[in-house]
PDB file of N, CA and C in Angstrom:
ATOM      1  N   MET A   1       1.954 -31.729  11.810  1.00  0.00           N
ATOM      2  CA  MET A   1       2.359 -30.816  10.765  1.00  0.00           C
ATOM      3  C   MET A   1       3.878 -30.897  10.637  1.00  0.00           C
ATOM      4  N   GLY A   2       4.358 -31.100   9.439  1.00  0.00           N
ATOM      5  CA  GLY A   2       5.784 -31.252   9.206  1.00  0.00           C
ATOM      6  C   GLY A   2       6.524 -29.922   9.089  1.00  0.00           C
ATOM      7  N   PRO A   3       7.848 -29.982   9.053  1.00  0.00           N
ATOM      8  CA  PRO A   3       8.661 -28.768   8.980  1.00  0.00           C
ATOM      9  C   PRO A   3       8.373 -27.903   7.752  1.00  0.00           C
ATOM     10  N   LEU A   4       8.129 -28.537   6.609  1.00  0.00           N
ATOM     11  CA  LEU A   4       7.846 -27.749   5.410  1.00  0.00           C
ATOM     12  C   LEU A   4       6.529 -26.989   5.558  1.00  0.00           C
ATOM     13  N   SER A   5       5.514 -27.662   6.067  1.00  0.00           N
ATOM     14  CA  SER A   5       4.211 -27.020   6.268  1.00  0.00           C
ATOM     15  C   SER A   5       4.330 -25.854   7.243  1.00  0.00           C
ATOM     16  N   LYS A   6       5.078 -26.047   8.320  1.00  0.00           N
ATOM     17  CA  LYS A   6       5.261 -24.976   9.297  1.00  0.00           C
ATOM     18  C   LYS A   6       6.005 -23.798   8.691  1.00  0.00           C
ATOM     19  N   SER A   7       7.012 -24.086   7.874  1.00  0.00           N
ATOM     20  CA  SER A   7       7.767 -23.010   7.230  1.00  0.00           C
ATOM     21  C   SER A   7       6.897 -22.236   6.244  1.00  0.00           C
ATOM     22  N   LEU A   8       6.085 -22.946   5.483  1.00  0.00           N
ATOM     23  CA  LEU A   8       5.172 -22.280   4.555  1.00  0.00           C
ATOM     24  C   LEU A   8       4.128 -21.460   5.301  1.00  0.00           C
ATOM     25  N   LEU A   9       3.657 -21.980   6.431  1.00  0.00           N
ATOM     26  CA  LEU A   9       2.708 -21.239   7.262  1.00  0.00           C
ATOM     27  C   LEU A   9       3.362 -19.975   7.809  1.00  0.00           C
ATOM     28  N   LEU A  10       4.600 -20.101   8.273  1.00  0.00           N
ATOM     29  CA  LEU A  10       5.328 -18.943   8.793  1.00  0.00           C
ATOM     30  C   LEU A  10       5.471 -17.870   7.715  1.00  0.00           C
ATOM     31  N   PHE A  11       5.888 -18.260   6.527  1.00  0.00           N
ATOM     32  CA  PHE A  11       6.044 -17.288   5.444  1.00  0.00           C
ATOM     33  C   PHE A  11       4.695 -16.665   5.087  1.00  0.00           C
ATOM     34  N   SER A  12       3.634 -17.468   5.052  1.00  0.00           N
ATOM     35  CA  SER A  12       2.298 -16.953   4.733  1.00  0.00           C
ATOM     36  C   SER A  12       1.826 -15.939   5.768  1.00  0.00           C
ATOM     37  N   LEU A  13       2.060 -16.236   7.033  1.00  0.00           N
ATOM     38  CA  LEU A  13       1.673 -15.303   8.092  1.00  0.00           C
ATOM     39  C   LEU A  13       2.491 -14.015   8.010  1.00  0.00           C
ATOM     40  N   ASN A  14       3.758 -14.140   7.656  1.00  0.00           N
ATOM     41  CA  ASN A  14       4.613 -12.967   7.473  1.00  0.00           C
ATOM     42  C   ASN A  14       4.076 -12.102   6.330  1.00  0.00           C
ATOM     43  N   TRP A  15       3.704 -12.733   5.225  1.00  0.00           N
ATOM     44  CA  TRP A  15       3.150 -12.007   4.085  1.00  0.00           C
ATOM     45  C   TRP A  15       1.819 -11.342   4.446  1.00  0.00           C
ATOM     46  N   LEU A  16       0.959 -12.077   5.158  1.00  0.00           N
ATOM     47  CA  LEU A  16      -0.334 -11.525   5.576  1.00  0.00           C
ATOM     48  C   LEU A  16      -0.134 -10.354   6.532  1.00  0.00           C
ATOM     49  N   ASP A  17       0.819 -10.473   7.434  1.00  0.00           N
ATOM     50  CA  ASP A  17       1.136  -9.380   8.351  1.00  0.00           C
ATOM     51  C   ASP A  17       1.542  -8.132   7.571  1.00  0.00           C
ATOM     52  N   ALA A  18       2.389  -8.302   6.578  1.00  0.00           N
ATOM     53  CA  ALA A  18       2.836  -7.160   5.774  1.00  0.00           C
ATOM     54  C   ALA A  18       1.657  -6.524   5.039  1.00  0.00           C
ATOM     55  N   GLN A  19       0.803  -7.341   4.430  1.00  0.00           N
ATOM     56  CA  GLN A  19      -0.339  -6.815   3.689  1.00  0.00           C
ATOM     57  C   GLN A  19      -1.318  -6.083   4.609  1.00  0.00           C
ATOM     58  N   LEU A  20      -1.595  -6.676   5.777  1.00  0.00           N
ATOM     59  CA  LEU A  20      -2.517  -6.027   6.711  1.00  0.00           C
ATOM     60  C   LEU A  20      -1.921  -4.739   7.274  1.00  0.00           C
ATOM     61  N   THR A  21      -0.624  -4.735   7.531  1.00  0.00           N
ATOM     62  CA  THR A  21       0.032  -3.516   8.006  1.00  0.00           C
ATOM     63  C   THR A  21      -0.125  -2.405   6.979  1.00  0.00           C
ATOM     64  N   LEU A  22       0.119  -2.714   5.721  1.00  0.00           N
ATOM     65  CA  LEU A  22      -0.049  -1.712   4.668  1.00  0.00           C
ATOM     66  C   LEU A  22      -1.499  -1.238   4.582  1.00  0.00           C
ATOM     67  N   LEU A  23      -2.438  -2.143   4.730  1.00  0.00           N
ATOM     68  CA  LEU A  23      -3.853  -1.774   4.687  1.00  0.00           C
ATOM     69  C   LEU A  23      -4.194  -0.809   5.821  1.00  0.00           C
ATOM     70  N   TRP A  24      -3.770  -1.139   7.041  1.00  0.00           N
ATOM     71  CA  TRP A  24      -4.103  -0.286   8.200  1.00  0.00           C
ATOM     72  C   TRP A  24      -3.431   1.084   8.074  1.00  0.00           C
ATOM     73  N   ILE A  25      -2.243   1.104   7.503  1.00  0.00           N
ATOM     74  CA  ILE A  25      -1.558   2.381   7.308  1.00  0.00           C
ATOM     75  C   ILE A  25      -2.280   3.207   6.238  1.00  0.00           C
ATOM     76  N   ARG A  26      -2.676   2.583   5.153  1.00  0.00           N
ATOM     77  CA  ARG A  26      -3.405   3.296   4.089  1.00  0.00           C
ATOM     78  C   ARG A  26      -4.732   3.852   4.602  1.00  0.00           C
ATOM     79  N   LEU A  27      -5.387   3.081   5.476  1.00  0.00           N
ATOM     80  CA  LEU A  27      -6.670   3.521   6.032  1.00  0.00           C
ATOM     81  C   LEU A  27      -6.484   4.488   7.198  1.00  0.00           C
ATOM     82  N   ASP A  28      -5.231   4.760   7.546  1.00  0.00           N
ATOM     83  CA  ASP A  28      -4.891   5.662   8.650  1.00  0.00           C
ATOM     84  C   ASP A  28      -5.468   5.172   9.982  1.00  0.00           C
ATOM     85  N   VAL A  29      -5.443   3.846  10.169  1.00  0.00           N
ATOM     86  CA  VAL A  29      -5.946   3.224  11.384  1.00  0.00           C
ATOM     87  C   VAL A  29      -4.801   2.918  12.345  1.00  0.00           C
ATOM     88  N   ALA A  30      -3.614   2.641  11.794  1.00  0.00           N
ATOM     89  CA  ALA A  30      -2.482   2.248  12.625  1.00  0.00           C
ATOM     90  C   ALA A  30      -1.191   2.709  11.964  1.00  0.00           C
ATOM     91  N   THR A  31      -0.103   2.576  12.707  1.00  0.00           N
ATOM     92  CA  THR A  31       1.224   2.886  12.186  1.00  0.00           C
ATOM     93  C   THR A  31       2.095   1.648  12.353  1.00  0.00           C
ATOM     94  N   GLU A  32       3.216   1.639  11.687  1.00  0.00           N
ATOM     95  CA  GLU A  32       4.168   0.527  11.818  1.00  0.00           C
ATOM     96  C   GLU A  32       4.863   0.662  13.168  1.00  0.00           C
ATOM     97  N   GLY A  33       4.811  -0.398  13.972  1.00  0.00           N
ATOM     98  CA  GLY A  33       5.393  -0.369  15.311  1.00  0.00           C
ATOM     99  C   GLY A  33       6.891  -0.617  15.342  1.00  0.00           C
ATOM    100  N   ASN A  34       7.444  -1.240  14.320  1.00  0.00           N
ATOM    101  CA  ASN A  34       8.871  -1.537  14.262  1.00  0.00           C
ATOM    102  C   ASN A  34       9.581  -0.337  13.630  1.00  0.00           C
ATOM    103  N   GLY A  35      10.502   0.270  14.363  1.00  0.00           N
ATOM    104  CA  GLY A  35      11.188   1.468  13.892  1.00  0.00           C
ATOM    105  C   GLY A  35      11.921   1.275  12.577  1.00  0.00           C
ATOM    106  N   LEU A  36      12.621   0.161  12.428  1.00  0.00           N
ATOM    107  CA  LEU A  36      13.356  -0.101  11.191  1.00  0.00           C
ATOM    108  C   LEU A  36      12.392  -0.244  10.007  1.00  0.00           C
ATOM    109  N   MET A  37      11.335  -0.999  10.218  1.00  0.00           N
ATOM    110  CA  MET A  37      10.371  -1.186   9.134  1.00  0.00           C
ATOM    111  C   MET A  37       9.622   0.116   8.835  1.00  0.00           C
ATOM    112  N   ALA A  38       9.383   0.935   9.850  1.00  0.00           N
ATOM    113  CA  ALA A  38       8.739   2.238   9.626  1.00  0.00           C
ATOM    114  C   ALA A  38       9.631   3.123   8.756  1.00  0.00           C
ATOM    115  N   ARG A  39      10.942   3.059   9.001  1.00  0.00           N
ATOM    116  CA  ARG A  39      11.878   3.834   8.177  1.00  0.00           C
ATOM    117  C   ARG A  39      11.849   3.336   6.730  1.00  0.00           C
ATOM    118  N   LEU A  40      11.820   2.024   6.546  1.00  0.00           N
ATOM    119  CA  LEU A  40      11.723   1.468   5.189  1.00  0.00           C
ATOM    120  C   LEU A  40      10.417   1.886   4.523  1.00  0.00           C
ATOM    121  N   LEU A  41       9.355   1.905   5.296  1.00  0.00           N
ATOM    122  CA  LEU A  41       8.052   2.289   4.762  1.00  0.00           C
ATOM    123  C   LEU A  41       8.054   3.742   4.289  1.00  0.00           C
ATOM    124  N   SER A  42       8.865   4.583   4.943  1.00  0.00           N
ATOM    125  CA  SER A  42       8.945   5.984   4.513  1.00  0.00           C
ATOM    126  C   SER A  42       9.601   6.104   3.136  1.00  0.00           C
ATOM    127  N   HIS A  43      10.334   5.074   2.724  1.00  0.00           N
ATOM    128  CA  HIS A  43      10.949   5.055   1.389  1.00  0.00           C
ATOM    129  C   HIS A  43       9.998   4.496   0.338  1.00  0.00           C
ATOM    130  N   GLY A  44       8.919   3.884   0.781  1.00  0.00           N
ATOM    131  CA  GLY A  44       7.929   3.354  -0.150  1.00  0.00           C
ATOM    132  C   GLY A  44       7.441   1.981   0.278  1.00  0.00           C
ATOM    133  N   GLU A  45       6.242   1.674  -0.162  1.00  0.00           N
ATOM    134  CA  GLU A  45       5.637   0.386   0.190  1.00  0.00           C
ATOM    135  C   GLU A  45       6.402  -0.783  -0.416  1.00  0.00           C
ATOM    136  N   GLY A  46       6.977  -0.585  -1.594  1.00  0.00           N
ATOM    137  CA  GLY A  46       7.741  -1.655  -2.241  1.00  0.00           C
ATOM    138  C   GLY A  46       8.959  -2.048  -1.435  1.00  0.00           C
ATOM    139  N   SER A  47       9.667  -1.070  -0.922  1.00  0.00           N
ATOM    140  CA  SER A  47      10.843  -1.341  -0.083  1.00  0.00           C
ATOM    141  C   SER A  47      10.433  -2.096   1.171  1.00  0.00           C
ATOM    142  N   PHE A  48       9.373  -1.617   1.802  1.00  0.00           N
ATOM    143  CA  PHE A  48       8.865  -2.254   3.018  1.00  0.00           C
ATOM    144  C   PHE A  48       8.507  -3.713   2.754  1.00  0.00           C
ATOM    145  N   LEU A  49       7.692  -3.917   1.722  1.00  0.00           N
ATOM    146  CA  LEU A  49       7.215  -5.263   1.407  1.00  0.00           C
ATOM    147  C   LEU A  49       8.363  -6.179   0.998  1.00  0.00           C
ATOM    148  N   GLY A  50       9.280  -5.676   0.188  1.00  0.00           N
ATOM    149  CA  GLY A  50      10.407  -6.494  -0.253  1.00  0.00           C
ATOM    150  C   GLY A  50      11.278  -6.967   0.894  1.00  0.00           C
ATOM    151  N   VAL A  51      11.655  -6.049   1.762  1.00  0.00           N
ATOM    152  CA  VAL A  51      12.515  -6.408   2.893  1.00  0.00           C
ATOM    153  C   VAL A  51      11.775  -7.335   3.847  1.00  0.00           C
ATOM    154  N   LYS A  52      10.507  -7.045   4.119  1.00  0.00           N
ATOM    155  CA  LYS A  52       9.712  -7.876   5.024  1.00  0.00           C
ATOM    156  C   LYS A  52       9.621  -9.310   4.505  1.00  0.00           C
ATOM    157  N   LEU A  53       9.384  -9.460   3.207  1.00  0.00           N
ATOM    158  CA  LEU A  53       9.250 -10.807   2.641  1.00  0.00           C
ATOM    159  C   LEU A  53      10.582 -11.537   2.574  1.00  0.00           C
ATOM    160  N   VAL A  54      11.662 -10.814   2.285  1.00  0.00           N
ATOM    161  CA  VAL A  54      12.986 -11.452   2.262  1.00  0.00           C
ATOM    162  C   VAL A  54      13.361 -11.939   3.659  1.00  0.00           C
ATOM    163  N   ILE A  55      13.141 -11.109   4.669  1.00  0.00           N
ATOM    164  CA  ILE A  55      13.452 -11.509   6.049  1.00  0.00           C
ATOM    165  C   ILE A  55      12.595 -12.709   6.454  1.00  0.00           C
ATOM    166  N   GLY A  56      11.294 -12.655   6.130  1.00  0.00           N
ATOM    167  CA  GLY A  56      10.400 -13.766   6.460  1.00  0.00           C
ATOM    168  C   GLY A  56      10.789 -15.051   5.747  1.00  0.00           C
ATOM    169  N   ALA A  57      11.139 -14.947   4.478  1.00  0.00           N
ATOM    170  CA  ALA A  57      11.545 -16.130   3.708  1.00  0.00           C
ATOM    171  C   ALA A  57      12.845 -16.711   4.262  1.00  0.00           C
ATOM    172  N   PHE A  58      13.786 -15.838   4.610  1.00  0.00           N
ATOM    173  CA  PHE A  58      15.054 -16.308   5.162  1.00  0.00           C
ATOM    174  C   PHE A  58      14.827 -17.034   6.483  1.00  0.00           C
ATOM    175  N   GLY A  59      14.025 -16.440   7.366  1.00  0.00           N
ATOM    176  CA  GLY A  59      13.731 -17.074   8.658  1.00  0.00           C
ATOM    177  C   GLY A  59      13.038 -18.417   8.487  1.00  0.00           C
ATOM    178  N   ALA A  60      12.036 -18.470   7.606  1.00  0.00           N
ATOM    179  CA  ALA A  60      11.313 -19.721   7.375  1.00  0.00           C
ATOM    180  C   ALA A  60      12.241 -20.781   6.788  1.00  0.00           C
ATOM    181  N   TYR A  61      13.129 -20.372   5.879  1.00  0.00           N
ATOM    182  CA  TYR A  61      14.063 -21.317   5.260  1.00  0.00           C
ATOM    183  C   TYR A  61      15.044 -21.873   6.299  1.00  0.00           C
ATOM    184  N   ILE A  62      15.620 -20.991   7.108  1.00  0.00           N
ATOM    185  CA  ILE A  62      16.584 -21.444   8.128  1.00  0.00           C
ATOM    186  C   ILE A  62      15.914 -22.393   9.116  1.00  0.00           C
ATOM    187  N   LEU A  63      14.723 -22.044   9.573  1.00  0.00           N
ATOM    188  CA  LEU A  63      14.029 -22.922  10.525  1.00  0.00           C
ATOM    189  C   LEU A  63      13.654 -24.249   9.874  1.00  0.00           C
ATOM    190  N   PHE A  64      13.348 -24.230   8.579  1.00  0.00           N
ATOM    191  CA  PHE A  64      13.056 -25.473   7.862  1.00  0.00           C
ATOM    192  C   PHE A  64      14.314 -26.335   7.739  1.00  0.00           C
ATOM    193  N   ARG A  65      15.418 -25.727   7.309  1.00  0.00           N
ATOM    194  CA  ARG A  65      16.661 -26.477   7.101  1.00  0.00           C
ATOM    195  C   ARG A  65      17.220 -27.046   8.405  1.00  0.00           C
ATOM    196  N   CYS A  66      16.956 -26.376   9.514  1.00  0.00           N
ATOM    197  CA  CYS A  66      17.491 -26.806  10.816  1.00  0.00           C
ATOM    198  C   CYS A  66      16.431 -27.500  11.656  1.00  0.00           C
ATOM    199  N   ALA A  67      15.357 -27.969  11.030  1.00  0.00           N
ATOM    200  CA  ALA A  67      14.233 -28.553  11.763  1.00  0.00           C
ATOM    201  C   ALA A  67      14.624 -29.786  12.576  1.00  0.00           C
ATOM    202  N   ASN A  68      15.772 -30.375  12.290  1.00  0.00           N
ATOM    203  CA  ASN A  68      16.214 -31.538  13.056  1.00  0.00           C
ATOM    204  C   ASN A  68      16.782 -31.130  14.423  1.00  0.00           C
ATOM    205  N   LEU A  69      17.056 -29.840  14.615  1.00  0.00           N
ATOM    206  CA  LEU A  69      17.599 -29.355  15.884  1.00  0.00           C
ATOM    207  C   LEU A  69      16.467 -28.936  16.821  1.00  0.00           C
ATOM    208  N   PRO A  70      16.554 -29.343  18.089  1.00  0.00           N
ATOM    209  CA  PRO A  70      15.494 -28.970  19.035  1.00  0.00           C
ATOM    210  C   PRO A  70      15.294 -27.458  19.159  1.00  0.00           C
ATOM    211  N   ILE A  71      16.384 -26.698  19.123  1.00  0.00           N
ATOM    212  CA  ILE A  71      16.249 -25.242  19.257  1.00  0.00           C
ATOM    213  C   ILE A  71      15.483 -24.641  18.078  1.00  0.00           C
ATOM    214  N   ALA A  72      15.654 -25.198  16.895  1.00  0.00           N
ATOM    215  CA  ALA A  72      14.919 -24.714  15.719  1.00  0.00           C
ATOM    216  C   ALA A  72      13.443 -25.077  15.835  1.00  0.00           C
ATOM    217  N   ARG A  73      13.139 -26.264  16.339  1.00  0.00           N
ATOM    218  CA  ARG A  73      11.738 -26.652  16.518  1.00  0.00           C
ATOM    219  C   ARG A  73      11.059 -25.748  17.543  1.00  0.00           C
ATOM    220  N   ARG A  74      11.756 -25.457  18.651  1.00  0.00           N
ATOM    221  CA  ARG A  74      11.196 -24.544  19.658  1.00  0.00           C
ATOM    222  C   ARG A  74      11.075 -23.138  19.085  1.00  0.00           C
ATOM    223  N   GLY A  75      12.069 -22.737  18.300  1.00  0.00           N
ATOM    224  CA  GLY A  75      12.022 -21.424  17.667  1.00  0.00           C
ATOM    225  C   GLY A  75      10.836 -21.292  16.725  1.00  0.00           C
ATOM    226  N   MET A  76      10.576 -22.327  15.947  1.00  0.00           N
ATOM    227  CA  MET A  76       9.436 -22.310  15.033  1.00  0.00           C
ATOM    228  C   MET A  76       8.137 -22.191  15.815  1.00  0.00           C
ATOM    229  N   THR A  77       8.025 -22.942  16.900  1.00  0.00           N
ATOM    230  CA  THR A  77       6.826 -22.865  17.735  1.00  0.00           C
ATOM    231  C   THR A  77       6.653 -21.457  18.296  1.00  0.00           C
ATOM    232  N   LEU A  78       7.736 -20.871  18.762  1.00  0.00           N
ATOM    233  CA  LEU A  78       7.680 -19.522  19.314  1.00  0.00           C
ATOM    234  C   LEU A  78       7.271 -18.509  18.251  1.00  0.00           C
ATOM    235  N   VAL A  79       7.917 -18.558  17.094  1.00  0.00           N
ATOM    236  CA  VAL A  79       7.640 -17.582  16.037  1.00  0.00           C
ATOM    237  C   VAL A  79       6.203 -17.730  15.528  1.00  0.00           C
ATOM    238  N   LEU A  80       5.727 -18.947  15.360  1.00  0.00           N
ATOM    239  CA  LEU A  80       4.343 -19.136  14.924  1.00  0.00           C
ATOM    240  C   LEU A  80       3.365 -18.626  15.980  1.00  0.00           C
ATOM    241  N   SER A  81       3.679 -18.833  17.250  1.00  0.00           N
ATOM    242  CA  SER A  81       2.826 -18.316  18.330  1.00  0.00           C
ATOM    243  C   SER A  81       2.762 -16.801  18.296  1.00  0.00           C
ATOM    244  N   VAL A  82       3.911 -16.171  18.089  1.00  0.00           N
ATOM    245  CA  VAL A  82       3.950 -14.708  18.001  1.00  0.00           C
ATOM    246  C   VAL A  82       3.120 -14.230  16.813  1.00  0.00           C
ATOM    247  N   TYR A  83       3.250 -14.892  15.677  1.00  0.00           N
ATOM    248  CA  TYR A  83       2.485 -14.474  14.501  1.00  0.00           C
ATOM    249  C   TYR A  83       0.988 -14.702  14.687  1.00  0.00           C
ATOM    250  N   PHE A  84       0.592 -15.767  15.363  1.00  0.00           N
ATOM    251  CA  PHE A  84      -0.838 -15.972  15.616  1.00  0.00           C
ATOM    252  C   PHE A  84      -1.371 -14.881  16.537  1.00  0.00           C
ATOM    253  N   ALA A  85      -0.582 -14.494  17.551  1.00  0.00           N
ATOM    254  CA  ALA A  85      -0.988 -13.384  18.420  1.00  0.00           C
ATOM    255  C   ALA A  85      -1.086 -12.094  17.609  1.00  0.00           C
ATOM    256  N   LEU A  86      -0.146 -11.901  16.716  1.00  0.00           N
ATOM    257  CA  LEU A  86      -0.159 -10.714  15.855  1.00  0.00           C
ATOM    258  C   LEU A  86      -1.394 -10.705  14.957  1.00  0.00           C
ATOM    259  N   MET A  87      -1.828 -11.862  14.500  1.00  0.00           N
ATOM    260  CA  MET A  87      -3.032 -11.932  13.670  1.00  0.00           C
ATOM    261  C   MET A  87      -4.266 -11.535  14.495  1.00  0.00           C
ATOM    262  N   LEU A  88      -4.277 -11.872  15.781  1.00  0.00           N
ATOM    263  CA  LEU A  88      -5.372 -11.427  16.648  1.00  0.00           C
ATOM    264  C   LEU A  88      -5.370  -9.910  16.775  1.00  0.00           C
ATOM    265  N   ILE A  89      -4.182  -9.327  16.878  1.00  0.00           N
ATOM    266  CA  ILE A  89      -4.079  -7.870  16.952  1.00  0.00           C
ATOM    267  C   ILE A  89      -4.553  -7.245  15.644  1.00  0.00           C
ATOM    268  N   HIS A  90      -4.189  -7.837  14.524  1.00  0.00           N
ATOM    269  CA  HIS A  90      -4.670  -7.337  13.231  1.00  0.00           C
ATOM    270  C   HIS A  90      -6.199  -7.437  13.152  1.00  0.00           C
ATOM    271  N   ALA A  91      -6.759  -8.530  13.672  1.00  0.00           N
ATOM    272  CA  ALA A  91      -8.222  -8.679  13.663  1.00  0.00           C
ATOM    273  C   ALA A  91      -8.872  -7.595  14.523  1.00  0.00           C
ATOM    274  N   ALA A  92      -8.291  -7.330  15.684  1.00  0.00           N
ATOM    275  CA  ALA A  92      -8.819  -6.271  16.553  1.00  0.00           C
ATOM    276  C   ALA A  92      -8.708  -4.915  15.871  1.00  0.00           C
ATOM    277  N   THR A  93      -7.602  -4.677  15.177  1.00  0.00           N
ATOM    278  CA  THR A  93      -7.424  -3.419  14.447  1.00  0.00           C
ATOM    279  C   THR A  93      -8.486  -3.285  13.372  1.00  0.00           C
ATOM    280  N   GLY A  94      -8.769  -4.373  12.682  1.00  0.00           N
ATOM    281  CA  GLY A  94      -9.810  -4.356  11.665  1.00  0.00           C
ATOM    282  C   GLY A  94     -11.174  -4.056  12.256  1.00  0.00           C
ATOM    283  N   CYS A  95     -11.452  -4.620  13.414  1.00  0.00           N
ATOM    284  CA  CYS A  95     -12.729  -4.336  14.079  1.00  0.00           C
ATOM    285  C   CYS A  95     -12.837  -2.867  14.452  1.00  0.00           C
ATOM    286  N   VAL A  96     -11.763  -2.296  14.969  1.00  0.00           N
ATOM    287  CA  VAL A  96     -11.760  -0.877  15.311  1.00  0.00           C
ATOM    288  C   VAL A  96     -11.942  -0.035  14.057  1.00  0.00           C
ATOM    289  N   ALA A  97     -11.296  -0.435  12.963  1.00  0.00           N
ATOM    290  CA  ALA A  97     -11.429   0.305  11.703  1.00  0.00           C
ATOM    291  C   ALA A  97     -12.876   0.321  11.222  1.00  0.00           C
ATOM    292  N   MET A  98     -13.609  -0.733  11.572  1.00  0.00           N
ATOM    293  CA  MET A  98     -15.022  -0.793  11.184  1.00  0.00           C
ATOM    294  C   MET A  98     -15.943  -0.224  12.253  1.00  0.00           C
ATOM    295  N   GLY A  99     -15.350   0.318  13.328  1.00  0.00           N
ATOM    296  CA  GLY A  99     -16.155   0.985  14.348  1.00  0.00           C
ATOM    297  C   GLY A  99     -16.574   0.125  15.519  1.00  0.00           C
ATOM    298  N   TRP A 100     -16.027  -1.079  15.639  1.00  0.00           N
ATOM    299  CA  TRP A 100     -16.399  -1.956  16.749  1.00  0.00           C
ATOM    300  C   TRP A 100     -15.220  -2.064  17.701  1.00  0.00           C
ATOM    301  N   ASP A 101     -15.388  -1.579  18.945  1.00  0.00           N
ATOM    302  CA  ASP A 101     -14.301  -1.545  19.920  1.00  0.00           C
ATOM    303  C   ASP A 101     -14.273  -2.748  20.855  1.00  0.00           C
ATOM    304  N   GLY A 102     -15.176  -3.689  20.688  1.00  0.00           N
ATOM    305  CA  GLY A 102     -15.245  -4.851  21.585  1.00  0.00           C
ATOM    306  C   GLY A 102     -13.940  -5.631  21.708  1.00  0.00           C
ATOM    307  N   PRO A 103     -13.278  -5.984  20.605  1.00  0.00           N
ATOM    308  CA  PRO A 103     -12.026  -6.748  20.721  1.00  0.00           C
ATOM    309  C   PRO A 103     -10.925  -5.998  21.463  1.00  0.00           C
ATOM    310  N   VAL A 104     -10.848  -4.685  21.284  1.00  0.00           N
ATOM    311  CA  VAL A 104      -9.817  -3.913  21.976  1.00  0.00           C
ATOM    312  C   VAL A 104     -10.078  -3.930  23.473  1.00  0.00           C
ATOM    313  N   THR A 105     -11.335  -3.816  23.862  1.00  0.00           N
ATOM    314  CA  THR A 105     -11.698  -3.884  25.273  1.00  0.00           C
ATOM    315  C   THR A 105     -11.320  -5.250  25.839  1.00  0.00           C
ATOM    316  N   LEU A 106     -11.609  -6.311  25.108  1.00  0.00           N
ATOM    317  CA  LEU A 106     -11.275  -7.661  25.552  1.00  0.00           C
ATOM    318  C   LEU A 106      -9.769  -7.848  25.676  1.00  0.00           C
ATOM    319  N   ILE A 107      -9.001  -7.378  24.686  1.00  0.00           N
ATOM    320  CA  ILE A 107      -7.536  -7.500  24.743  1.00  0.00           C
ATOM    321  C   ILE A 107      -6.989  -6.715  25.934  1.00  0.00           C
ATOM    322  N   GLY A 108      -7.532  -5.527  26.186  1.00  0.00           N
ATOM    323  CA  GLY A 108      -7.111  -4.736  27.345  1.00  0.00           C
ATOM    324  C   GLY A 108      -7.403  -5.455  28.643  1.00  0.00           C
ATOM    325  N   TYR A 109      -8.565  -6.081  28.719  1.00  0.00           N
ATOM    326  CA  TYR A 109      -8.941  -6.833  29.916  1.00  0.00           C
ATOM    327  C   TYR A 109      -7.995  -8.017  30.123  1.00  0.00           C
ATOM    328  N   ILE A 110      -7.743  -8.770  29.077  1.00  0.00           N
ATOM    329  CA  ILE A 110      -6.837  -9.923  29.172  1.00  0.00           C
ATOM    330  C   ILE A 110      -5.431  -9.467  29.524  1.00  0.00           C
ATOM    331  N   GLY A 111      -5.005  -8.335  28.976  1.00  0.00           N
ATOM    332  CA  GLY A 111      -3.675  -7.805  29.268  1.00  0.00           C
ATOM    333  C   GLY A 111      -3.490  -7.420  30.725  1.00  0.00           C
ATOM    334  N   HIS A 112      -4.569  -7.053  31.392  1.00  0.00           N
ATOM    335  CA  HIS A 112      -4.480  -6.658  32.801  1.00  0.00           C
ATOM    336  C   HIS A 112      -4.717  -7.827  33.757  1.00  0.00           C
ATOM    337  N   LEU A 113      -5.081  -8.978  33.240  1.00  0.00           N
ATOM    338  CA  LEU A 113      -5.323 -10.141  34.101  1.00  0.00           C
ATOM    339  C   LEU A 113      -4.113 -10.541  34.950  1.00  0.00           C
ATOM    340  N   PRO A 114      -2.894 -10.611  34.382  1.00  0.00           N
ATOM    341  CA  PRO A 114      -1.756 -10.995  35.223  1.00  0.00           C
ATOM    342  C   PRO A 114      -1.559 -10.056  36.423  1.00  0.00           C
ATOM    343  N   GLN A 115      -1.728  -8.759  36.218  1.00  0.00           N
ATOM    344  CA  GLN A 115      -1.593  -7.808  37.325  1.00  0.00           C
ATOM    345  C   GLN A 115      -2.692  -8.032  38.355  1.00  0.00           C
ATOM    346  N   ALA A 116      -3.883  -8.342  37.918  1.00  0.00           N
ATOM    347  CA  ALA A 116      -4.989  -8.587  38.842  1.00  0.00           C
ATOM    348  C   ALA A 116      -4.727  -9.834  39.670  1.00  0.00           C
ATOM    349  N   VAL A 117      -4.198 -10.869  39.029  1.00  0.00           N
ATOM    350  CA  VAL A 117      -3.918 -12.110  39.755  1.00  0.00           C
ATOM    351  C   VAL A 117      -2.803 -11.881  40.772  1.00  0.00           C
ATOM    352  N   VAL A 118      -1.755 -11.177  40.365  1.00  0.00           N
ATOM    353  CA  VAL A 118      -0.662 -10.864  41.293  1.00  0.00           C
ATOM    354  C   VAL A 118      -1.188 -10.017  42.436  1.00  0.00           C
ATOM    355  N   GLY A 119      -2.089  -9.091  42.141  1.00  0.00           N
ATOM    356  CA  GLY A 119      -2.666  -8.231  43.164  1.00  0.00           C
ATOM    357  C   GLY A 119      -3.448  -9.016  44.212  1.00  0.00           C
ATOM    358  N   LEU A 120      -4.020 -10.132  43.823  1.00  0.00           N
ATOM    359  CA  LEU A 120      -4.740 -10.972  44.781  1.00  0.00           C
ATOM    360  C   LEU A 120      -3.818 -11.547  45.859  1.00  0.00           C
ATOM    361  N   PHE A 121      -2.567 -11.776  45.498  1.00  0.00           N
ATOM    362  CA  PHE A 121      -1.642 -12.413  46.423  1.00  0.00           C
ATOM    363  C   PHE A 121      -0.696 -11.422  47.087  1.00  0.00           C
ATOM    364  N   SER A 122      -0.865 -10.141  46.824  1.00  0.00           N
ATOM    365  CA  SER A 122       0.034  -9.133  47.413  1.00  0.00           C
ATOM    366  C   SER A 122      -0.489  -8.662  48.754  1.00  0.00           C
TER     367      SER A 122
END
């Protein structure tokens, strides 16, 4: 996958994150976890969406333009990984909104695995 494709994917995931966040807030299933974005959201959904998309577009553009630098390539990998994890959280939120708690239980179990492994060697 080339730098342009990765940048477009990053922007798309950013847009999807914003749309799903607004959906979960409208359905009263979740709240915005980022304090700055929550403050923008209190001014209106348009402000929230506009700033979120501008920040996402700027980040995707910078990472695309600097794709020849190793730090930008690693940064793109990191940011895409974070967004894919965030999409899993959005999927779990959607499952909870529909009344199915299985994904949340699984995420909680996976989240406690590192402590369990460390506990084995303590």
